[in-house]
């Protein structure tokens, strides 16, 4: 591994290490699980063909939702992403973040169904990471199809 790809790899490793050691974690205690959350998580996780333990879901809410996600128009939380091979890091706003294959962060706005959140989206990232696939740009042809199918199952279950 040489050149630009080598640098990009180490930038990602550095961001991951920051998240592990607390420099990039959100303040405060973990929010309590939502009613129906466990069922919704398992519906999504098994729809991705998984039988192992799903990732921990950490809800981001209240004052931590301090920006607007440009894709959804809903409140999200600030994040830092690599700006490119020879560009600085940039601040962005999203409704979800997958720190690792073991934990996902998802915005909570008081939705009536978990299918209205970014939960299935972030769990799709965790699933792919566990399969050894980095999918940061949503380029896989089935990425959104899988999420839509998982959200449909969650709605059908009344969650």
N, C-alpha and C. Protein backbone atom coordinates (compact mmCIF):
# COMPACT_ATOMS: atom_id res chain seq x y z
N UNK A 1 0.85 -1.17 0.00
CA UNK A 1 0.00 0.00 0.00
C UNK A 1 0.90 1.23 0.00
N UNK A 2 0.76 2.07 -0.97
CA UNK A 2 1.63 3.23 -1.09
C UNK A 2 0.82 4.46 -1.46
N UNK A 3 1.40 5.63 -1.26
CA UNK A 3 0.85 6.88 -1.73
C UNK A 3 -0.46 7.27 -1.08
N UNK A 4 -1.38 7.76 -1.92
CA UNK A 4 -2.64 8.33 -1.44
C UNK A 4 -3.49 7.31 -0.70
N UNK A 5 -3.53 6.09 -1.19
CA UNK A 5 -4.31 5.05 -0.52
C UNK A 5 -3.78 4.75 0.87
N UNK A 6 -2.46 4.78 1.00
CA UNK A 6 -1.81 4.56 2.29
C UNK A 6 -2.19 5.66 3.28
N UNK A 7 -2.17 6.91 2.83
CA UNK A 7 -2.53 8.04 3.69
C UNK A 7 -3.99 7.95 4.10
N UNK A 8 -4.88 7.64 3.16
CA UNK A 8 -6.31 7.54 3.46
C UNK A 8 -6.56 6.44 4.49
N UNK A 9 -5.86 5.32 4.35
CA UNK A 9 -5.99 4.23 5.31
C UNK A 9 -5.64 4.72 6.72
N UNK A 10 -4.52 5.42 6.87
CA UNK A 10 -4.09 5.86 8.19
C UNK A 10 -4.97 6.97 8.76
N UNK A 11 -5.57 7.78 7.90
CA UNK A 11 -6.53 8.78 8.38
C UNK A 11 -7.73 8.06 9.00
N UNK A 12 -8.23 7.04 8.33
CA UNK A 12 -9.36 6.28 8.86
C UNK A 12 -9.01 5.57 10.16
N UNK A 13 -7.83 4.98 10.22
CA UNK A 13 -7.38 4.32 11.45
C UNK A 13 -7.30 5.35 12.58
N UNK A 14 -6.78 6.52 12.30
CA UNK A 14 -6.68 7.57 13.31
C UNK A 14 -8.04 8.00 13.83
N UNK A 15 -9.01 8.20 12.94
CA UNK A 15 -10.36 8.57 13.36
C UNK A 15 -10.98 7.47 14.21
N UNK A 16 -10.77 6.24 13.83
CA UNK A 16 -11.31 5.11 14.59
C UNK A 16 -10.69 5.09 15.99
N UNK A 17 -9.37 5.29 16.09
CA UNK A 17 -8.72 5.29 17.39
C UNK A 17 -9.23 6.43 18.27
N UNK A 18 -9.44 7.59 17.68
CA UNK A 18 -10.00 8.71 18.45
C UNK A 18 -11.35 8.34 19.04
N UNK A 19 -12.18 7.67 18.26
CA UNK A 19 -13.50 7.31 18.76
C UNK A 19 -13.41 6.29 19.89
N UNK A 20 -12.46 5.37 19.82
CA UNK A 20 -12.31 4.34 20.85
C UNK A 20 -11.87 4.96 22.18
N UNK A 21 -10.95 5.92 22.12
CA UNK A 21 -10.39 6.47 23.34
C UNK A 21 -11.13 7.70 23.85
N UNK A 22 -12.32 7.98 23.32
CA UNK A 22 -13.18 8.97 23.92
C UNK A 22 -13.07 10.38 23.40
N UNK A 23 -12.14 10.67 22.55
CA UNK A 23 -11.99 12.04 22.08
C UNK A 23 -13.14 12.45 21.17
N UNK A 24 -13.79 11.51 20.56
CA UNK A 24 -14.86 11.84 19.63
C UNK A 24 -16.21 11.32 20.10
N UNK A 25 -16.34 11.02 21.40
CA UNK A 25 -17.61 10.52 21.89
C UNK A 25 -18.49 11.69 22.32
N UNK A 26 -19.77 11.42 22.36
CA UNK A 26 -20.73 12.43 22.77
C UNK A 26 -20.81 12.47 24.29
N UNK A 27 -21.03 13.65 24.87
CA UNK A 27 -21.09 13.76 26.32
C UNK A 27 -22.38 13.16 26.88
N UNK A 28 -22.32 12.80 28.15
CA UNK A 28 -23.51 12.35 28.85
C UNK A 28 -23.70 10.85 28.82
N UNK A 29 -24.68 10.38 29.59
CA UNK A 29 -24.94 8.95 29.67
C UNK A 29 -25.62 8.43 28.41
N UNK A 30 -25.54 7.11 28.24
CA UNK A 30 -26.25 6.50 27.12
C UNK A 30 -27.75 6.65 27.33
N UNK A 31 -28.49 7.08 26.30
CA UNK A 31 -29.95 7.14 26.44
C UNK A 31 -30.51 5.74 26.67
N UNK A 32 -31.60 5.65 27.39
CA UNK A 32 -32.25 4.38 27.65
C UNK A 32 -32.83 3.80 26.37
N UNK A 33 -32.87 2.46 26.26
CA UNK A 33 -33.48 1.86 25.07
C UNK A 33 -34.94 2.29 24.94
N UNK A 34 -35.36 2.45 23.72
CA UNK A 34 -36.74 2.84 23.42
C UNK A 34 -37.64 1.61 23.49
N UNK A 35 -38.92 1.83 23.74
CA UNK A 35 -39.89 0.75 23.72
C UNK A 35 -39.93 0.16 22.31
N UNK A 36 -39.74 -1.14 22.20
CA UNK A 36 -39.75 -1.82 20.91
C UNK A 36 -38.42 -1.82 20.19
N UNK A 37 -37.42 -1.17 20.78
CA UNK A 37 -36.12 -1.06 20.12
C UNK A 37 -35.48 -2.43 19.88
N UNK A 38 -35.49 -3.29 20.89
CA UNK A 38 -34.82 -4.59 20.74
C UNK A 38 -35.44 -5.38 19.58
N UNK A 39 -36.76 -5.37 19.48
CA UNK A 39 -37.41 -6.09 18.39
C UNK A 39 -37.05 -5.48 17.05
N UNK A 40 -37.08 -4.16 16.95
CA UNK A 40 -36.74 -3.49 15.68
C UNK A 40 -35.30 -3.79 15.27
N UNK A 41 -34.38 -3.75 16.23
CA UNK A 41 -32.97 -4.03 15.94
C UNK A 41 -32.81 -5.44 15.40
N UNK A 42 -33.46 -6.42 16.06
CA UNK A 42 -33.33 -7.81 15.60
C UNK A 42 -33.99 -8.02 14.24
N UNK A 43 -35.10 -7.35 13.98
CA UNK A 43 -35.74 -7.46 12.66
C UNK A 43 -34.78 -6.97 11.59
N UNK A 44 -34.20 -5.82 11.81
CA UNK A 44 -33.26 -5.25 10.83
C UNK A 44 -32.05 -6.16 10.67
N UNK A 45 -31.47 -6.55 11.79
CA UNK A 45 -30.22 -7.32 11.77
C UNK A 45 -30.41 -8.65 11.05
N UNK A 46 -31.49 -9.35 11.36
CA UNK A 46 -31.71 -10.65 10.71
C UNK A 46 -32.09 -10.48 9.24
N UNK A 47 -32.69 -9.34 8.89
CA UNK A 47 -33.01 -9.11 7.47
C UNK A 47 -31.73 -8.96 6.65
N UNK A 48 -30.63 -8.61 7.30
CA UNK A 48 -29.33 -8.52 6.63
C UNK A 48 -28.61 -9.87 6.62
N UNK A 49 -29.30 -10.91 7.10
CA UNK A 49 -28.72 -12.24 7.10
C UNK A 49 -27.83 -12.53 8.29
N UNK A 50 -27.93 -11.71 9.32
CA UNK A 50 -27.07 -11.85 10.49
C UNK A 50 -27.74 -12.70 11.57
N UNK A 51 -26.94 -13.49 12.26
CA UNK A 51 -27.42 -14.25 13.40
C UNK A 51 -26.59 -13.96 14.65
N UNK A 52 -25.55 -13.14 14.50
CA UNK A 52 -24.71 -12.77 15.64
C UNK A 52 -25.36 -11.59 16.38
N UNK A 53 -24.72 -11.16 17.44
CA UNK A 53 -25.24 -10.06 18.25
C UNK A 53 -25.19 -8.76 17.46
N UNK A 54 -26.30 -8.03 17.39
CA UNK A 54 -26.29 -6.76 16.66
C UNK A 54 -25.46 -5.71 17.39
N UNK A 55 -25.12 -4.64 16.69
CA UNK A 55 -24.36 -3.57 17.34
C UNK A 55 -25.18 -2.85 18.40
N UNK A 56 -24.49 -2.26 19.34
CA UNK A 56 -25.12 -1.41 20.35
C UNK A 56 -25.68 -0.19 19.63
N UNK A 57 -26.89 0.20 19.99
CA UNK A 57 -27.50 1.40 19.41
C UNK A 57 -27.44 2.50 20.46
N UNK A 58 -26.82 3.58 20.09
CA UNK A 58 -26.72 4.74 20.98
C UNK A 58 -27.51 5.87 20.33
N UNK A 59 -28.55 6.34 21.00
CA UNK A 59 -29.41 7.40 20.46
C UNK A 59 -28.81 8.75 20.79
N UNK A 60 -28.81 9.63 19.81
CA UNK A 60 -28.34 11.00 19.98
C UNK A 60 -29.59 11.87 19.92
N UNK A 61 -29.78 12.71 20.92
CA UNK A 61 -31.03 13.48 20.97
C UNK A 61 -30.82 14.83 21.65
N UNK A 62 -31.89 15.59 21.68
CA UNK A 62 -31.89 16.87 22.38
C UNK A 62 -30.87 17.85 21.83
N UNK A 63 -30.14 18.49 22.75
CA UNK A 63 -29.19 19.54 22.37
C UNK A 63 -28.04 19.01 21.52
N UNK A 64 -27.78 17.69 21.56
CA UNK A 64 -26.71 17.12 20.74
C UNK A 64 -27.06 17.16 19.25
N UNK A 65 -28.34 17.32 18.93
CA UNK A 65 -28.77 17.45 17.53
C UNK A 65 -28.70 18.94 17.17
N UNK A 66 -27.50 19.38 16.86
CA UNK A 66 -27.24 20.82 16.74
C UNK A 66 -27.03 21.32 15.32
N UNK A 67 -27.33 20.47 14.32
CA UNK A 67 -27.17 20.89 12.93
C UNK A 67 -28.26 20.21 12.11
N UNK A 68 -28.30 20.51 10.83
CA UNK A 68 -29.31 19.93 9.95
C UNK A 68 -28.64 19.04 8.91
N UNK A 69 -29.10 17.79 8.84
CA UNK A 69 -28.59 16.85 7.85
C UNK A 69 -29.03 17.34 6.47
N UNK A 70 -28.10 17.61 5.57
CA UNK A 70 -28.48 18.15 4.26
C UNK A 70 -29.26 17.17 3.40
N UNK A 71 -29.12 15.86 3.65
CA UNK A 71 -29.85 14.87 2.85
C UNK A 71 -31.30 14.73 3.27
N UNK A 72 -31.57 14.75 4.58
CA UNK A 72 -32.94 14.53 5.07
C UNK A 72 -33.65 15.81 5.47
N UNK A 73 -32.88 16.85 5.81
CA UNK A 73 -33.48 18.08 6.33
C UNK A 73 -33.84 17.98 7.80
N UNK A 74 -33.55 16.84 8.44
CA UNK A 74 -33.85 16.64 9.86
C UNK A 74 -32.63 17.03 10.70
N UNK A 75 -32.86 17.28 12.00
CA UNK A 75 -31.73 17.56 12.89
C UNK A 75 -30.78 16.37 12.97
N UNK A 76 -29.49 16.67 12.95
CA UNK A 76 -28.46 15.66 13.07
C UNK A 76 -27.40 16.14 14.04
N UNK A 77 -26.26 15.47 14.01
CA UNK A 77 -25.18 15.87 14.90
C UNK A 77 -23.89 16.03 14.10
N UNK A 78 -23.05 16.98 14.53
CA UNK A 78 -21.81 17.26 13.80
C UNK A 78 -20.85 16.08 13.84
N UNK A 79 -20.15 15.89 12.73
CA UNK A 79 -19.16 14.82 12.60
C UNK A 79 -18.00 15.35 11.78
N UNK A 80 -16.89 14.66 11.86
CA UNK A 80 -15.71 15.02 11.09
C UNK A 80 -15.43 13.91 10.10
N UNK A 81 -15.22 14.27 8.85
CA UNK A 81 -14.91 13.30 7.79
C UNK A 81 -13.64 13.74 7.07
N UNK A 82 -12.93 12.78 6.50
CA UNK A 82 -11.78 13.15 5.67
C UNK A 82 -12.26 14.00 4.50
N UNK A 83 -11.53 15.04 4.18
CA UNK A 83 -11.92 15.92 3.09
C UNK A 83 -11.46 15.46 1.72
N UNK A 84 -10.58 14.51 1.66
CA UNK A 84 -10.03 14.04 0.40
C UNK A 84 -8.56 13.71 0.61
N UNK A 85 -7.93 13.23 -0.43
CA UNK A 85 -6.55 12.77 -0.29
C UNK A 85 -5.60 13.86 0.17
N UNK A 86 -5.69 15.03 -0.42
CA UNK A 86 -4.78 16.12 -0.04
C UNK A 86 -5.54 17.30 0.55
N UNK A 87 -6.68 17.03 1.16
CA UNK A 87 -7.50 18.09 1.75
C UNK A 87 -7.64 17.85 3.24
N UNK A 88 -7.93 18.91 3.99
CA UNK A 88 -8.08 18.75 5.44
C UNK A 88 -9.39 18.04 5.78
N UNK A 89 -9.52 17.65 7.03
CA UNK A 89 -10.78 17.09 7.51
C UNK A 89 -11.86 18.14 7.39
N UNK A 90 -13.11 17.71 7.23
CA UNK A 90 -14.21 18.66 7.12
C UNK A 90 -15.32 18.28 8.08
N UNK A 91 -16.04 19.28 8.57
CA UNK A 91 -17.17 19.03 9.46
C UNK A 91 -18.42 18.87 8.62
N UNK A 92 -19.20 17.84 8.94
CA UNK A 92 -20.45 17.54 8.24
C UNK A 92 -21.53 17.29 9.28
N UNK A 93 -22.76 17.13 8.83
CA UNK A 93 -23.89 16.85 9.71
C UNK A 93 -24.66 15.68 9.14
N UNK A 94 -24.89 14.67 9.98
CA UNK A 94 -25.67 13.51 9.56
C UNK A 94 -26.58 13.07 10.71
N UNK A 95 -27.56 12.22 10.39
CA UNK A 95 -28.46 11.67 11.40
C UNK A 95 -27.92 10.38 12.01
N UNK A 96 -26.82 9.88 11.50
CA UNK A 96 -26.28 8.64 12.04
C UNK A 96 -24.80 8.55 11.80
N UNK A 97 -24.16 7.66 12.56
CA UNK A 97 -22.73 7.43 12.41
C UNK A 97 -22.44 6.01 12.88
N UNK A 98 -21.67 5.29 12.11
CA UNK A 98 -21.23 3.96 12.52
C UNK A 98 -19.76 4.06 12.91
N UNK A 99 -19.52 4.02 14.20
CA UNK A 99 -18.16 4.15 14.72
C UNK A 99 -17.35 2.90 14.45
N UNK A 100 -18.02 1.77 14.58
CA UNK A 100 -17.34 0.49 14.45
C UNK A 100 -18.40 -0.56 14.13
N UNK A 101 -18.02 -1.78 13.87
CA UNK A 101 -19.02 -2.81 13.63
C UNK A 101 -19.79 -3.19 14.89
N UNK A 102 -19.40 -2.60 16.02
CA UNK A 102 -20.02 -2.95 17.31
C UNK A 102 -20.97 -1.89 17.86
N UNK A 103 -20.99 -0.68 17.27
CA UNK A 103 -21.82 0.40 17.81
C UNK A 103 -22.25 1.35 16.70
N UNK A 104 -23.50 1.77 16.77
CA UNK A 104 -24.00 2.79 15.84
C UNK A 104 -24.62 3.94 16.65
N UNK A 105 -24.49 5.14 16.13
CA UNK A 105 -25.13 6.32 16.70
C UNK A 105 -26.24 6.74 15.76
N UNK A 106 -27.42 7.03 16.32
CA UNK A 106 -28.58 7.38 15.50
C UNK A 106 -29.33 8.53 16.16
N UNK A 107 -29.70 9.51 15.35
CA UNK A 107 -30.50 10.63 15.86
C UNK A 107 -31.90 10.17 16.24
N UNK A 108 -32.40 10.73 17.35
CA UNK A 108 -33.77 10.44 17.79
C UNK A 108 -34.52 11.77 17.87
N UNK A 109 -35.63 11.84 17.09
CA UNK A 109 -36.44 13.05 17.06
C UNK A 109 -37.84 12.81 17.61
N UNK A 110 -38.10 11.63 18.14
CA UNK A 110 -39.43 11.27 18.63
C UNK A 110 -40.28 10.60 17.57
N UNK A 111 -39.66 9.92 16.61
CA UNK A 111 -40.39 9.25 15.54
C UNK A 111 -41.37 8.22 16.10
N UNK A 112 -42.42 7.95 15.33
CA UNK A 112 -43.42 6.95 15.73
C UNK A 112 -42.96 5.54 15.38
N UNK A 113 -42.04 5.40 14.44
CA UNK A 113 -41.51 4.09 14.04
C UNK A 113 -40.00 4.20 13.89
N UNK A 114 -39.31 3.13 14.26
CA UNK A 114 -37.86 3.09 14.08
C UNK A 114 -37.50 3.15 12.60
N UNK A 115 -38.44 2.81 11.74
CA UNK A 115 -38.20 2.86 10.29
C UNK A 115 -38.05 4.29 9.80
N UNK A 116 -38.45 5.27 10.59
CA UNK A 116 -38.33 6.69 10.23
C UNK A 116 -37.00 7.29 10.67
N UNK A 117 -36.17 6.48 11.32
CA UNK A 117 -34.85 6.93 11.77
C UNK A 117 -33.79 6.39 10.82
N UNK A 118 -32.54 6.70 11.12
CA UNK A 118 -31.41 6.18 10.34
C UNK A 118 -30.90 4.84 10.89
N UNK A 119 -31.70 4.19 11.73
CA UNK A 119 -31.26 2.95 12.37
C UNK A 119 -30.88 1.87 11.36
N UNK A 120 -31.75 1.55 10.41
CA UNK A 120 -31.46 0.50 9.43
C UNK A 120 -30.24 0.88 8.58
N UNK A 121 -30.10 2.16 8.27
CA UNK A 121 -28.97 2.65 7.48
C UNK A 121 -27.66 2.39 8.22
N UNK A 122 -27.60 2.79 9.48
CA UNK A 122 -26.36 2.62 10.25
C UNK A 122 -26.08 1.15 10.52
N UNK A 123 -27.12 0.37 10.74
CA UNK A 123 -26.90 -1.06 10.96
C UNK A 123 -26.41 -1.74 9.68
N UNK A 124 -26.80 -1.21 8.52
CA UNK A 124 -26.27 -1.74 7.25
C UNK A 124 -24.77 -1.50 7.18
N UNK A 125 -24.32 -0.33 7.62
CA UNK A 125 -22.88 -0.06 7.67
C UNK A 125 -22.18 -1.03 8.62
N UNK A 126 -22.76 -1.27 9.80
CA UNK A 126 -22.16 -2.19 10.77
C UNK A 126 -22.09 -3.60 10.20
N UNK A 127 -23.15 -4.03 9.53
CA UNK A 127 -23.16 -5.35 8.89
C UNK A 127 -22.02 -5.47 7.89
N UNK A 128 -21.89 -4.49 7.03
CA UNK A 128 -20.84 -4.55 6.01
C UNK A 128 -19.44 -4.50 6.64
N UNK A 129 -19.27 -3.69 7.68
CA UNK A 129 -17.97 -3.66 8.36
C UNK A 129 -17.62 -5.03 8.92
N UNK A 130 -18.61 -5.72 9.48
CA UNK A 130 -18.34 -7.06 10.01
C UNK A 130 -18.00 -8.05 8.90
N UNK A 131 -18.42 -7.75 7.69
CA UNK A 131 -18.09 -8.60 6.54
C UNK A 131 -16.77 -8.16 5.89
N UNK A 132 -16.13 -7.12 6.48
CA UNK A 132 -14.87 -6.64 5.95
C UNK A 132 -15.01 -5.67 4.79
N UNK A 133 -16.19 -5.04 4.67
CA UNK A 133 -16.46 -4.12 3.56
C UNK A 133 -16.64 -2.72 4.12
N UNK A 134 -15.80 -1.78 3.67
CA UNK A 134 -15.98 -0.36 4.03
C UNK A 134 -16.88 0.26 2.99
N UNK A 135 -18.02 0.77 3.39
CA UNK A 135 -19.01 1.34 2.46
C UNK A 135 -19.36 2.74 2.91
N UNK A 136 -18.40 3.63 2.83
CA UNK A 136 -18.62 5.00 3.28
C UNK A 136 -19.32 5.89 2.27
N UNK A 137 -19.35 5.46 1.02
CA UNK A 137 -19.93 6.31 -0.04
C UNK A 137 -21.25 5.79 -0.59
N UNK A 138 -21.76 4.70 -0.01
CA UNK A 138 -23.06 4.14 -0.41
C UNK A 138 -23.08 3.77 -1.89
N UNK A 139 -22.00 3.20 -2.38
CA UNK A 139 -21.87 2.85 -3.80
C UNK A 139 -22.40 1.46 -4.15
N UNK A 140 -22.57 0.59 -3.17
CA UNK A 140 -23.03 -0.76 -3.47
C UNK A 140 -24.44 -0.69 -4.06
N UNK A 141 -24.71 -1.42 -5.13
CA UNK A 141 -26.02 -1.33 -5.78
C UNK A 141 -27.18 -1.73 -4.87
N UNK A 142 -26.92 -2.62 -3.90
CA UNK A 142 -28.01 -3.09 -3.03
C UNK A 142 -28.08 -2.34 -1.70
N UNK A 143 -27.24 -1.32 -1.50
CA UNK A 143 -27.18 -0.67 -0.19
C UNK A 143 -28.54 -0.15 0.25
N UNK A 144 -29.18 0.68 -0.55
CA UNK A 144 -30.46 1.26 -0.16
C UNK A 144 -31.62 0.28 -0.27
N UNK A 145 -31.52 -0.69 -1.18
CA UNK A 145 -32.56 -1.71 -1.32
C UNK A 145 -32.68 -2.51 -0.03
N UNK A 146 -31.55 -2.89 0.55
CA UNK A 146 -31.55 -3.64 1.80
C UNK A 146 -32.16 -2.83 2.94
N UNK A 147 -31.84 -1.54 2.98
CA UNK A 147 -32.36 -0.67 4.04
C UNK A 147 -33.88 -0.53 3.90
N UNK A 148 -34.35 -0.30 2.68
CA UNK A 148 -35.79 -0.17 2.46
C UNK A 148 -36.53 -1.44 2.85
N UNK A 149 -35.97 -2.60 2.51
CA UNK A 149 -36.61 -3.88 2.86
C UNK A 149 -36.65 -4.06 4.38
N UNK A 150 -35.56 -3.72 5.07
CA UNK A 150 -35.52 -3.83 6.53
C UNK A 150 -36.54 -2.90 7.17
N UNK A 151 -36.62 -1.66 6.69
CA UNK A 151 -37.59 -0.71 7.24
C UNK A 151 -39.02 -1.17 7.00
N UNK A 152 -39.28 -1.78 5.88
CA UNK A 152 -40.63 -2.32 5.61
C UNK A 152 -41.00 -3.38 6.65
N UNK A 153 -40.06 -4.28 6.96
CA UNK A 153 -40.31 -5.31 7.96
C UNK A 153 -40.57 -4.70 9.35
N UNK A 154 -39.82 -3.65 9.67
CA UNK A 154 -40.02 -2.96 10.96
C UNK A 154 -41.41 -2.35 11.02
N UNK A 155 -41.84 -1.70 9.95
CA UNK A 155 -43.20 -1.12 9.91
C UNK A 155 -44.27 -2.20 10.03
N UNK A 156 -44.08 -3.31 9.30
CA UNK A 156 -45.05 -4.40 9.36
C UNK A 156 -45.17 -4.99 10.76
N UNK A 157 -44.10 -4.94 11.54
CA UNK A 157 -44.12 -5.44 12.91
C UNK A 157 -44.67 -4.40 13.90
N UNK A 158 -44.99 -3.22 13.41
CA UNK A 158 -45.53 -2.18 14.28
C UNK A 158 -44.50 -1.52 15.15
N UNK A 159 -43.27 -1.54 14.71
CA UNK A 159 -42.17 -0.95 15.50
C UNK A 159 -41.64 0.26 14.80
